């Protein structure tokens, strides 16, 4: 069974992809950057502000699917600069129950859509 997830509370896709897709009991959410879902513009304020918006966008997608952060089993963080790792890591960690951290990798990339500083994708199981 396949179901597409869409909510106006998260940024609309900026390309030919879905915000998320459910296949059976697994949800795959597209990478989120720091787009404000109301304006469609990138948030200002550096990597901390962007990381918070990214996590809020992920929360909106989880809410739309009837999930929460404890359902995330895998995440991938893409950073423009690995120097931002401690800042992003601190904000990221605030969103998860302490006993429910997902598996994860973090990689530095040369460029992200809309020149974002951080992008995060997640996979959930319920």
C-alpha atoms as a PDB file:
ATOM      1  CA  UNK A   1       0.000   0.000   0.000  1.00  0.00           C
ATOM      2  CA  UNK A   2       1.349   3.446  -0.983  1.00  0.00           C
ATOM      3  CA  UNK A   3       0.106   6.779   0.297  1.00  0.00           C
ATOM      4  CA  UNK A   4       1.409  10.281  -0.376  1.00  0.00           C
ATOM      5  CA  UNK A   5       1.738  12.637   2.596  1.00  0.00           C
ATOM      6  CA  UNK A   6       1.040  16.343   2.083  1.00  0.00           C
ATOM      7  CA  UNK A   7       0.431  19.183   4.516  1.00  0.00           C
ATOM      8  CA  UNK A   8       0.250  22.944   4.081  1.00  0.00           C
ATOM      9  CA  UNK A   9       2.024  23.208   7.467  1.00  0.00           C
ATOM     10  CA  UNK A  10       5.313  22.204   5.829  1.00  0.00           C
ATOM     11  CA  UNK A  11       6.930  23.741   2.753  1.00  0.00           C
ATOM     12  CA  UNK A  12       5.492  22.692  -0.585  1.00  0.00           C
ATOM     13  CA  UNK A  13       7.901  20.665  -2.717  1.00  0.00           C
ATOM     14  CA  UNK A  14      10.191  22.782  -4.901  1.00  0.00           C
ATOM     15  CA  UNK A  15      10.567  20.015  -7.471  1.00  0.00           C
ATOM     16  CA  UNK A  16       8.967  16.806  -8.734  1.00  0.00           C
ATOM     17  CA  UNK A  17       8.818  14.957  -5.396  1.00  0.00           C
ATOM     18  CA  UNK A  18       6.399  14.360  -2.522  1.00  0.00           C
ATOM     19  CA  UNK A  19       6.763  15.716   0.989  1.00  0.00           C
ATOM     20  CA  UNK A  20       6.491  12.135   2.121  1.00  0.00           C
ATOM     21  CA  UNK A  21       5.380   8.679   1.086  1.00  0.00           C
ATOM     22  CA  UNK A  22       4.074   5.807   3.189  1.00  0.00           C
ATOM     23  CA  UNK A  23       4.750   2.265   2.034  1.00  0.00           C
ATOM     24  CA  UNK A  24       3.220  -0.260   4.417  1.00  0.00           C
ATOM     25  CA  UNK A  25       4.245   0.687   7.940  1.00  0.00           C
ATOM     26  CA  UNK A  26       7.211   2.822   6.803  1.00  0.00           C
ATOM     27  CA  UNK A  27       7.159   6.535   6.032  1.00  0.00           C
ATOM     28  CA  UNK A  28       9.858   8.222   3.948  1.00  0.00           C
ATOM     29  CA  UNK A  29      10.030  12.006   4.281  1.00  0.00           C
ATOM     30  CA  UNK A  30      11.886  14.144   1.766  1.00  0.00           C
ATOM     31  CA  UNK A  31      14.754  16.287   2.952  1.00  0.00           C
ATOM     32  CA  UNK A  32      13.650  19.477   4.629  1.00  0.00           C
ATOM     33  CA  UNK A  33      15.434  22.786   4.324  1.00  0.00           C
ATOM     34  CA  UNK A  34      14.638  25.962   6.232  1.00  0.00           C
ATOM     35  CA  UNK A  35      11.750  27.178   4.108  1.00  0.00           C
ATOM     36  CA  UNK A  36       9.011  28.943   6.010  1.00  0.00           C
ATOM     37  CA  UNK A  37       5.830  27.101   4.941  1.00  0.00           C
ATOM     38  CA  UNK A  38       3.788  30.331   5.057  1.00  0.00           C
ATOM     39  CA  UNK A  39       6.076  32.442   2.889  1.00  0.00           C
ATOM     40  CA  UNK A  40       8.092  29.911   0.908  1.00  0.00           C
ATOM     41  CA  UNK A  41      11.253  31.864   1.772  1.00  0.00           C
ATOM     42  CA  UNK A  42      14.346  30.685   3.622  1.00  0.00           C
ATOM     43  CA  UNK A  43      14.489  31.769   7.248  1.00  0.00           C
ATOM     44  CA  UNK A  44      17.233  34.165   8.248  1.00  0.00           C
ATOM     45  CA  UNK A  45      19.441  34.005  11.308  1.00  0.00           C
ATOM     46  CA  UNK A  46      22.160  31.509  10.485  1.00  0.00           C
ATOM     47  CA  UNK A  47      22.439  27.785  10.936  1.00  0.00           C
ATOM     48  CA  UNK A  48      20.651  27.657  14.303  1.00  0.00           C
ATOM     49  CA  UNK A  49      17.549  29.375  12.919  1.00  0.00           C
ATOM     50  CA  UNK A  50      17.667  27.136   9.868  1.00  0.00           C
ATOM     51  CA  UNK A  51      18.046  23.964  11.943  1.00  0.00           C
ATOM     52  CA  UNK A  52      15.057  24.922  14.090  1.00  0.00           C
ATOM     53  CA  UNK A  53      12.901  25.600  11.009  1.00  0.00           C
ATOM     54  CA  UNK A  54      13.975  22.291   9.464  1.00  0.00           C
ATOM     55  CA  UNK A  55      12.991  20.412  12.619  1.00  0.00           C
ATOM     56  CA  UNK A  56       9.675  22.310  12.806  1.00  0.00           C
ATOM     57  CA  UNK A  57       9.023  21.353   9.172  1.00  0.00           C
ATOM     58  CA  UNK A  58       9.725  17.708  10.021  1.00  0.00           C
ATOM     59  CA  UNK A  59       7.350  17.973  12.982  1.00  0.00           C
ATOM     60  CA  UNK A  60       4.598  19.271  10.668  1.00  0.00           C
ATOM     61  CA  UNK A  61       5.100  16.277   8.372  1.00  0.00           C
ATOM     62  CA  UNK A  62       5.054  13.869  11.299  1.00  0.00           C
ATOM     63  CA  UNK A  63       1.850  15.466  12.602  1.00  0.00           C
ATOM     64  CA  UNK A  64       0.208  15.117   9.173  1.00  0.00           C
ATOM     65  CA  UNK A  65       1.036  11.404   9.173  1.00  0.00           C
ATOM     66  CA  UNK A  66      -0.083  10.819  12.769  1.00  0.00           C
ATOM     67  CA  UNK A  67       3.501  10.245  13.918  1.00  0.00           C
ATOM     68  CA  UNK A  68       5.941  11.852  16.325  1.00  0.00           C
ATOM     69  CA  UNK A  69       9.716  12.020  16.713  1.00  0.00           C
ATOM     70  CA  UNK A  70       9.820   8.663  18.515  1.00  0.00           C
ATOM     71  CA  UNK A  71       8.754   7.000  15.242  1.00  0.00           C
ATOM     72  CA  UNK A  72      11.875   8.202  13.393  1.00  0.00           C
ATOM     73  CA  UNK A  73      14.255   5.269  12.952  1.00  0.00           C
ATOM     74  CA  UNK A  74      16.755   6.850  10.548  1.00  0.00           C
ATOM     75  CA  UNK A  75      17.814  10.365   9.664  1.00  0.00           C
ATOM     76  CA  UNK A  76      20.369  11.954   7.409  1.00  0.00           C
ATOM     77  CA  UNK A  77      21.772  15.421   8.038  1.00  0.00           C
ATOM     78  CA  UNK A  78      23.441  17.325   5.218  1.00  0.00           C
ATOM     79  CA  UNK A  79      25.550  20.313   6.288  1.00  0.00           C
ATOM     80  CA  UNK A  80      27.105  23.047   4.182  1.00  0.00           C
ATOM     81  CA  UNK A  81      29.909  23.124   6.770  1.00  0.00           C
ATOM     82  CA  UNK A  82      30.858  20.445   9.285  1.00  0.00           C
ATOM     83  CA  UNK A  83      31.865  23.361  11.545  1.00  0.00           C
ATOM     84  CA  UNK A  84      28.118  23.750  12.184  1.00  0.00           C
ATOM     85  CA  UNK A  85      27.796  20.178  13.500  1.00  0.00           C
ATOM     86  CA  UNK A  86      27.694  21.094  17.230  1.00  0.00           C
ATOM     87  CA  UNK A  87      25.047  23.801  16.719  1.00  0.00           C
ATOM     88  CA  UNK A  88      22.793  21.654  14.547  1.00  0.00           C
ATOM     89  CA  UNK A  89      23.314  18.614  16.770  1.00  0.00           C
ATOM     90  CA  UNK A  90      22.178  20.542  19.866  1.00  0.00           C
ATOM     91  CA  UNK A  91      18.957  21.753  18.211  1.00  0.00           C
ATOM     92  CA  UNK A  92      18.270  18.374  16.586  1.00  0.00           C
ATOM     93  CA  UNK A  93      18.617  16.585  19.928  1.00  0.00           C
ATOM     94  CA  UNK A  94      15.997  18.769  21.618  1.00  0.00           C
ATOM     95  CA  UNK A  95      13.224  17.290  19.450  1.00  0.00           C
ATOM     96  CA  UNK A  96      13.683  13.617  20.370  1.00  0.00           C
ATOM     97  CA  UNK A  97      12.743  11.706  23.500  1.00  0.00           C
ATOM     98  CA  UNK A  98      16.060  10.874  25.188  1.00  0.00           C
ATOM     99  CA  UNK A  99      15.497   7.132  24.776  1.00  0.00           C
ATOM    100  CA  UNK A 100      14.414   7.322  21.117  1.00  0.00           C
ATOM    101  CA  UNK A 101      17.317   8.718  19.114  1.00  0.00           C
ATOM    102  CA  UNK A 102      17.298   7.329  15.567  1.00  0.00           C
ATOM    103  CA  UNK A 103      20.207   5.914  13.616  1.00  0.00           C
ATOM    104  CA  UNK A 104      21.871   8.745  11.717  1.00  0.00           C
ATOM    105  CA  UNK A 105      24.672   9.988   9.558  1.00  0.00           C
ATOM    106  CA  UNK A 106      25.830  13.552   9.034  1.00  0.00           C
ATOM    107  CA  UNK A 107      27.712  14.599   5.939  1.00  0.00           C
ATOM    108  CA  UNK A 108      29.176  17.828   4.621  1.00  0.00           C
ATOM    109  CA  UNK A 109      28.091  18.730   1.096  1.00  0.00           C
ATOM    110  CA  UNK A 110      29.261  21.422  -1.295  1.00  0.00           C
ATOM    111  CA  UNK A 111      25.816  22.932  -1.858  1.00  0.00           C
ATOM    112  CA  UNK A 112      22.173  22.472  -0.864  1.00  0.00           C
ATOM    113  CA  UNK A 113      18.942  23.659  -2.538  1.00  0.00           C
ATOM    114  CA  UNK A 114      18.354  27.404  -2.189  1.00  0.00           C
ATOM    115  CA  UNK A 115      21.835  27.664  -0.624  1.00  0.00           C
ATOM    116  CA  UNK A 116      20.522  26.191   2.635  1.00  0.00           C
ATOM    117  CA  UNK A 117      23.010  25.550   5.421  1.00  0.00           C
ATOM    118  CA  UNK A 118      21.316  22.336   6.587  1.00  0.00           C
ATOM    119  CA  UNK A 119      18.948  19.721   5.185  1.00  0.00           C
ATOM    120  CA  UNK A 120      17.514  16.734   7.076  1.00  0.00           C
ATOM    121  CA  UNK A 121      15.577  13.725   5.807  1.00  0.00           C
ATOM    122  CA  UNK A 122      13.930  11.078   7.984  1.00  0.00           C
ATOM    123  CA  UNK A 123      12.452   7.588   7.772  1.00  0.00           C
ATOM    124  CA  UNK A 124       9.788   6.450  10.232  1.00  0.00           C
ATOM    125  CA  UNK A 125       8.224   3.131  11.214  1.00  0.00           C
ATOM    126  CA  UNK A 126       4.955   2.634  13.082  1.00  0.00           C
END
